Each structure stands twice: as C-alpha cells, then as structure tokens.
Amino acid sequence: MLERVEQGEPVTITVGGRPVATLEPIKARGTFIMRAEFVRAVIERQADPGLLAELRRLAPDSTDDLPDR
C-alpha cells in the first residue's frame, strides 16, 4: 500500500468497510504561484461570510483594548 502512496495515489483507510482516513503522499515543497492564482485559491476556501457577524453577536467583547506584548 505504501508503494501506491509513494507513487502519488491517495489511499482511503477503512474500518469495517467505513472510511475513516485518507493516506496521501506528502506534497513537495511549495512552488511560486502568481498572486491572482493565490487569491483565487484563498477566496474559494474562505469561511462562511455570515460567520463573522454571528461570532460578533455571540461574543461581542474584543481584546482590542489590551496592550500589545
């Protein structure tokens, strides 16, 4: 199985036929990408836009008044 992973194939680990994990090869060190590509990748993975408002409603206090260390 590790030979398959080493060749680039992700392998799903199951327990009793139920998938519980994925074993995948470690990606090589990152390479340079253009800014536009980076921004596109980040935007696609942003949290729910309503999350910030909900968090502020649930926990309105902030730490903005604490001194920097």
C-alpha atoms as a PDB file:
ATOM      1  CA  MET A   1       0.000   0.000   0.000  1.00  0.00           C
ATOM      2  CA  LEU A   2       2.776   2.464   0.821  1.00  0.00           C
ATOM      3  CA  GLU A   3       4.248   1.893  -2.625  1.00  0.00           C
ATOM      4  CA  ARG A   4       0.983   3.135  -4.147  1.00  0.00           C
ATOM      5  CA  VAL A   5       1.046   6.215  -1.941  1.00  0.00           C
ATOM      6  CA  GLU A   6       4.685   6.836  -2.806  1.00  0.00           C
ATOM      7  CA  GLN A   7       3.700   6.812  -6.475  1.00  0.00           C
ATOM      8  CA  GLY A   8       1.191   9.582  -5.780  1.00  0.00           C
ATOM      9  CA  GLU A   9      -2.027   7.651  -5.211  1.00  0.00           C
ATOM     10  CA  PRO A  10      -4.120   8.588  -2.168  1.00  0.00           C
ATOM     11  CA  VAL A  11      -5.431   5.549  -0.261  1.00  0.00           C
ATOM     12  CA  THR A  12      -8.604   5.509   1.838  1.00  0.00           C
ATOM     13  CA  ILE A  13      -8.291   3.645   5.153  1.00  0.00           C
ATOM     14  CA  THR A  14     -11.446   1.844   6.245  1.00  0.00           C
ATOM     15  CA  VAL A  15     -12.635   0.187   9.460  1.00  0.00           C
ATOM     16  CA  GLY A  16     -15.339  -2.363   8.923  1.00  0.00           C
ATOM     17  CA  GLY A  17     -15.857  -1.011   5.417  1.00  0.00           C
ATOM     18  CA  ARG A  18     -16.370   2.539   6.716  1.00  0.00           C
ATOM     19  CA  PRO A  19     -13.829   5.148   5.503  1.00  0.00           C
ATOM     20  CA  VAL A  20     -12.021   6.761   8.447  1.00  0.00           C
ATOM     21  CA  ALA A  21      -8.907   8.386   6.973  1.00  0.00           C
ATOM     22  CA  THR A  22      -7.003   9.121   3.811  1.00  0.00           C
ATOM     23  CA  LEU A  23      -3.314   8.370   3.431  1.00  0.00           C
ATOM     24  CA  GLU A  24      -1.763  10.565   0.776  1.00  0.00           C
ATOM     25  CA  PRO A  25       1.729  11.458  -0.337  1.00  0.00           C
ATOM     26  CA  ILE A  26       3.431  14.438   1.230  1.00  0.00           C
ATOM     27  CA  LYS A  27       3.431  17.243  -1.260  1.00  0.00           C
ATOM     28  CA  ALA A  28       6.744  18.621  -2.355  1.00  0.00           C
ATOM     29  CA  ARG A  29       7.754  21.984  -1.020  1.00  0.00           C
ATOM     30  CA  GLY A  30       5.518  24.711  -2.368  1.00  0.00           C
ATOM     31  CA  THR A  31       6.346  26.466  -5.544  1.00  0.00           C
ATOM     32  CA  PHE A  32       5.872  30.064  -6.518  1.00  0.00           C
ATOM     33  CA  ILE A  33       2.415  30.902  -7.805  1.00  0.00           C
ATOM     34  CA  MET A  34       1.094  34.096  -9.286  1.00  0.00           C
ATOM     35  CA  ARG A  35      -0.795  36.444  -6.964  1.00  0.00           C
ATOM     36  CA  ALA A  36      -4.053  36.026  -8.881  1.00  0.00           C
ATOM     37  CA  GLU A  37      -3.869  32.238  -8.531  1.00  0.00           C
ATOM     38  CA  PHE A  38      -3.169  32.547  -4.794  1.00  0.00           C
ATOM     39  CA  VAL A  39      -6.068  34.968  -4.249  1.00  0.00           C
ATOM     40  CA  ARG A  40      -8.423  32.690  -6.213  1.00  0.00           C
ATOM     41  CA  ALA A  41      -7.404  29.674  -4.096  1.00  0.00           C
ATOM     42  CA  VAL A  42      -7.851  31.585  -0.830  1.00  0.00           C
ATOM     43  CA  ILE A  43     -11.204  33.081  -1.787  1.00  0.00           C
ATOM     44  CA  GLU A  44     -12.551  29.634  -2.687  1.00  0.00           C
ATOM     45  CA  ARG A  45     -11.770  28.419   0.846  1.00  0.00           C
ATOM     46  CA  GLN A  46     -12.995  31.363   2.909  1.00  0.00           C
ATOM     47  CA  ALA A  47     -15.289  30.775   5.832  1.00  0.00           C
ATOM     48  CA  ASP A  48     -18.996  31.423   5.618  1.00  0.00           C
ATOM     49  CA  PRO A  49     -19.435  35.197   5.134  1.00  0.00           C
ATOM     50  CA  GLY A  50     -22.068  35.281   7.874  1.00  0.00           C
ATOM     51  CA  LEU A  51     -19.689  33.705  10.387  1.00  0.00           C
ATOM     52  CA  LEU A  52     -18.034  36.971  11.474  1.00  0.00           C
ATOM     53  CA  ALA A  53     -21.384  38.626  12.188  1.00  0.00           C
ATOM     54  CA  GLU A  54     -22.568  35.579  14.109  1.00  0.00           C
ATOM     55  CA  LEU A  55     -19.369  35.449  16.167  1.00  0.00           C
ATOM     56  CA  ARG A  56     -19.674  39.154  16.986  1.00  0.00           C
ATOM     57  CA  ARG A  57     -23.268  38.581  18.081  1.00  0.00           C
ATOM     58  CA  LEU A  58     -22.318  35.588  20.255  1.00  0.00           C
ATOM     59  CA  ALA A  59     -19.134  37.104  21.708  1.00  0.00           C
ATOM     60  CA  PRO A  60     -19.293  40.884  21.367  1.00  0.00           C
ATOM     61  CA  ASP A  61     -16.285  41.549  23.615  1.00  0.00           C
ATOM     62  CA  SER A  62     -12.932  42.110  21.993  1.00  0.00           C
ATOM     63  CA  THR A  63      -9.308  42.245  23.054  1.00  0.00           C
ATOM     64  CA  ASP A  64      -8.626  45.429  21.083  1.00  0.00           C
ATOM     65  CA  ASP A  65      -8.116  47.371  24.310  1.00  0.00           C
ATOM     66  CA  LEU A  66      -5.345  45.069  25.590  1.00  0.00           C
ATOM     67  CA  PRO A  67      -1.753  46.264  25.195  1.00  0.00           C
ATOM     68  CA  ASP A  68       0.487  44.591  22.633  1.00  0.00           C
ATOM     69  CA  ARG A  69       3.282  42.476  24.030  1.00  0.00           C
END
